[in-house]
Protein backbone atom coordinates (compact mmCIF):
# COMPACT_ATOMS: atom_id res chain seq x y z
CA UNK A 1 2.56 15.23 -89.65
CA UNK A 2 5.35 13.12 -91.21
CA UNK A 3 6.88 13.73 -94.51
CA UNK A 4 7.56 10.83 -96.78
CA UNK A 5 11.24 11.05 -96.01
CA UNK A 6 10.50 11.15 -92.26
CA UNK A 7 8.23 8.07 -92.49
CA UNK A 8 10.84 6.25 -94.55
CA UNK A 9 13.50 6.99 -91.90
CA UNK A 10 11.23 5.67 -89.16
CA UNK A 11 10.61 2.40 -91.13
CA UNK A 12 14.37 2.09 -91.77
CA UNK A 13 15.16 2.59 -88.08
CA UNK A 14 12.55 0.01 -86.97
CA UNK A 15 13.84 -2.57 -89.49
CA UNK A 16 17.45 -1.98 -88.35
CA UNK A 17 16.45 -2.51 -84.73
CA UNK A 18 14.60 -5.73 -85.63
CA UNK A 19 17.62 -7.02 -87.53
CA UNK A 20 19.95 -6.20 -84.67
CA UNK A 21 17.69 -7.99 -82.24
CA UNK A 22 17.70 -11.22 -84.29
CA UNK A 23 20.33 -13.79 -83.28
CA UNK A 24 22.95 -14.88 -85.82
CA UNK A 25 22.15 -17.93 -87.85
CA UNK A 26 22.40 -21.09 -85.74
CA UNK A 27 22.24 -19.26 -82.40
CA UNK A 28 19.40 -19.49 -80.02
CA UNK A 29 18.10 -16.15 -78.72
CA UNK A 30 18.15 -16.05 -74.91
CA UNK A 31 14.84 -15.60 -73.25
CA UNK A 32 14.32 -12.04 -72.02
CA UNK A 33 11.80 -12.78 -69.20
CA UNK A 34 12.18 -15.05 -66.24
CA UNK A 35 11.95 -18.75 -66.85
CA UNK A 36 9.77 -20.50 -64.31
CA UNK A 37 11.72 -23.12 -62.32
CA UNK A 38 10.36 -26.62 -61.77
CA UNK A 39 7.60 -26.58 -59.15
CA UNK A 40 9.28 -28.96 -56.68
CA UNK A 41 12.54 -27.00 -56.47
CA UNK A 42 13.16 -26.09 -52.82
CA UNK A 43 15.81 -23.40 -53.43
CA UNK A 44 14.59 -19.82 -52.85
CA UNK A 45 14.15 -18.03 -56.25
CA UNK A 46 16.61 -15.28 -55.29
CA UNK A 47 19.35 -17.91 -54.72
CA UNK A 48 18.74 -19.77 -58.03
CA UNK A 49 20.63 -19.60 -61.29
CA UNK A 50 19.66 -21.18 -64.65
CA UNK A 51 22.17 -22.50 -67.15
CA UNK A 52 20.23 -23.40 -70.28
CA UNK A 53 21.84 -24.49 -73.48
CA UNK A 54 23.59 -27.19 -75.48
CA UNK A 55 25.59 -29.92 -73.72
CA UNK A 56 29.29 -29.76 -74.62
CA UNK A 57 30.62 -32.48 -72.31
CA UNK A 58 29.05 -35.12 -70.10
CA UNK A 59 30.80 -37.55 -67.79
CA UNK A 60 28.94 -39.93 -65.50
CA UNK A 61 30.83 -42.17 -63.16
CA UNK A 62 30.94 -43.45 -59.61
CA UNK A 63 30.19 -40.63 -57.17
CA UNK A 64 30.00 -37.77 -59.65
CA UNK A 65 28.41 -36.53 -62.84
CA UNK A 66 29.77 -33.49 -64.75
CA UNK A 67 27.94 -31.56 -67.43
CA UNK A 68 29.50 -28.68 -69.38
CA UNK A 69 26.95 -26.37 -71.04
CA UNK A 70 27.26 -23.81 -73.83
CA UNK A 71 24.53 -21.50 -72.57
CA UNK A 72 22.11 -19.48 -74.62
CA UNK A 73 23.77 -16.40 -73.14
CA UNK A 74 27.19 -17.21 -74.73
CA UNK A 75 28.89 -18.51 -71.58
CA UNK A 76 30.25 -21.95 -70.78
CA UNK A 77 29.18 -23.37 -67.38
CA UNK A 78 29.97 -26.59 -65.59
CA UNK A 79 27.54 -28.36 -63.31
CA UNK A 80 28.73 -31.24 -61.04
CA UNK A 81 26.32 -33.56 -59.30
CA UNK A 82 27.63 -35.55 -56.33
CA UNK A 83 26.12 -39.01 -55.78
CA UNK A 84 28.40 -40.86 -53.38
CA UNK A 85 28.68 -44.63 -53.69
CA UNK A 86 26.53 -44.60 -56.87
CA UNK A 87 26.83 -43.88 -60.56
CA UNK A 88 23.24 -42.84 -60.76
CA UNK A 89 22.50 -39.09 -60.87
CA UNK A 90 18.91 -39.58 -61.93
CA UNK A 91 17.37 -38.36 -58.60
CA UNK A 92 18.48 -34.87 -59.73
CA UNK A 93 17.27 -35.29 -63.32
CA UNK A 94 14.06 -34.26 -65.01
CA UNK A 95 13.17 -34.80 -68.64
CA UNK A 96 10.92 -32.23 -70.30
CA UNK A 97 10.07 -30.89 -66.79
CA UNK A 98 8.77 -34.32 -65.74
CA UNK A 99 10.26 -36.89 -63.34
CA UNK A 100 13.19 -38.82 -64.85
CA UNK A 101 12.62 -42.59 -64.77
CA UNK A 102 14.84 -45.60 -65.71
CA UNK A 103 13.07 -45.80 -69.03
CA UNK A 104 14.37 -42.23 -69.88
CA UNK A 105 18.06 -43.20 -70.07
CA UNK A 106 17.88 -44.26 -73.75
CA UNK A 107 16.42 -40.81 -74.56
CA UNK A 108 19.58 -39.09 -73.40
CA UNK A 109 22.31 -41.72 -73.60
CA UNK A 110 23.20 -43.85 -76.68
CA UNK A 111 25.06 -46.14 -74.24
CA UNK A 112 25.89 -45.86 -70.61
CA UNK A 113 27.78 -42.65 -69.96
CA UNK A 114 27.65 -41.43 -73.56
CA UNK A 115 25.13 -38.77 -74.51
CA UNK A 116 23.11 -38.63 -77.65
CA UNK A 117 24.22 -35.70 -79.86
CA UNK A 118 22.41 -32.38 -79.89
CA UNK A 119 20.98 -32.51 -76.39
CA UNK A 120 19.85 -29.34 -74.63
CA UNK A 121 19.60 -28.99 -70.89
CA UNK A 122 18.44 -26.57 -68.24
CA UNK A 123 20.43 -26.79 -65.05
CA UNK A 124 18.86 -25.08 -62.03
CA UNK A 125 21.72 -24.28 -59.62
CA UNK A 126 21.17 -23.14 -56.03
CA UNK A 127 23.95 -21.08 -54.42
CA UNK A 128 23.86 -23.15 -51.16
CA UNK A 129 25.96 -26.06 -52.55
CA UNK A 130 23.16 -28.61 -52.99
CA UNK A 131 23.07 -30.59 -56.22
CA UNK A 132 21.60 -28.81 -59.21
CA UNK A 133 18.34 -30.01 -60.83
CA UNK A 134 19.04 -30.94 -64.43
CA UNK A 135 16.14 -30.87 -66.89
CA UNK A 136 16.97 -32.65 -70.17
CA UNK A 137 15.34 -31.62 -73.39
CA UNK A 138 15.89 -34.36 -75.98
CA UNK A 139 14.95 -33.63 -79.59
CA UNK A 140 11.45 -34.54 -80.60
CA UNK A 141 10.97 -37.49 -82.90
CA UNK A 142 9.95 -36.42 -86.43
C-alpha cells in the first residue's frame, strides 16, 4: 500500500517524465515508430532512409535539383536528384503521398525554382545511388 507521500512522488515522477518527453516549443517531435514508405518505392526497406523535416534550401536547375532538410531528428541532410538534360525533377516527386502532376508546381513553388515558405518534405533515400523519392507536404489552406 502506498503512503500519501509515496503516491505524490510517483505522480511527480510521471509528470517529470511527460515534461521531458515533450519537444521544446516550435519543435516537431520525431516519430518513434516506423513510417511506412510510399507503396511504389522499389528500394528494399532495409536499404531505405527517411529524411523528414522542413526545407532549408531548394535549387532546381538543368540536370540537378538539390534540397537541404532540417530533419525532425535535429540533423541537416541534403538530397540531390539527377535529371540529365532536363530541369524537371517531378518524376521523383510526390505530394501528400500522391503522384505529382504539372498542376502541383504552384503548391510548392511561388515561381519557377523558388519554394513557398514553410514547406515540409519527406525524402526517401535508397543506399544504392538511385534518385530519392521526395514527398512534399504543403500547408493546408485555412
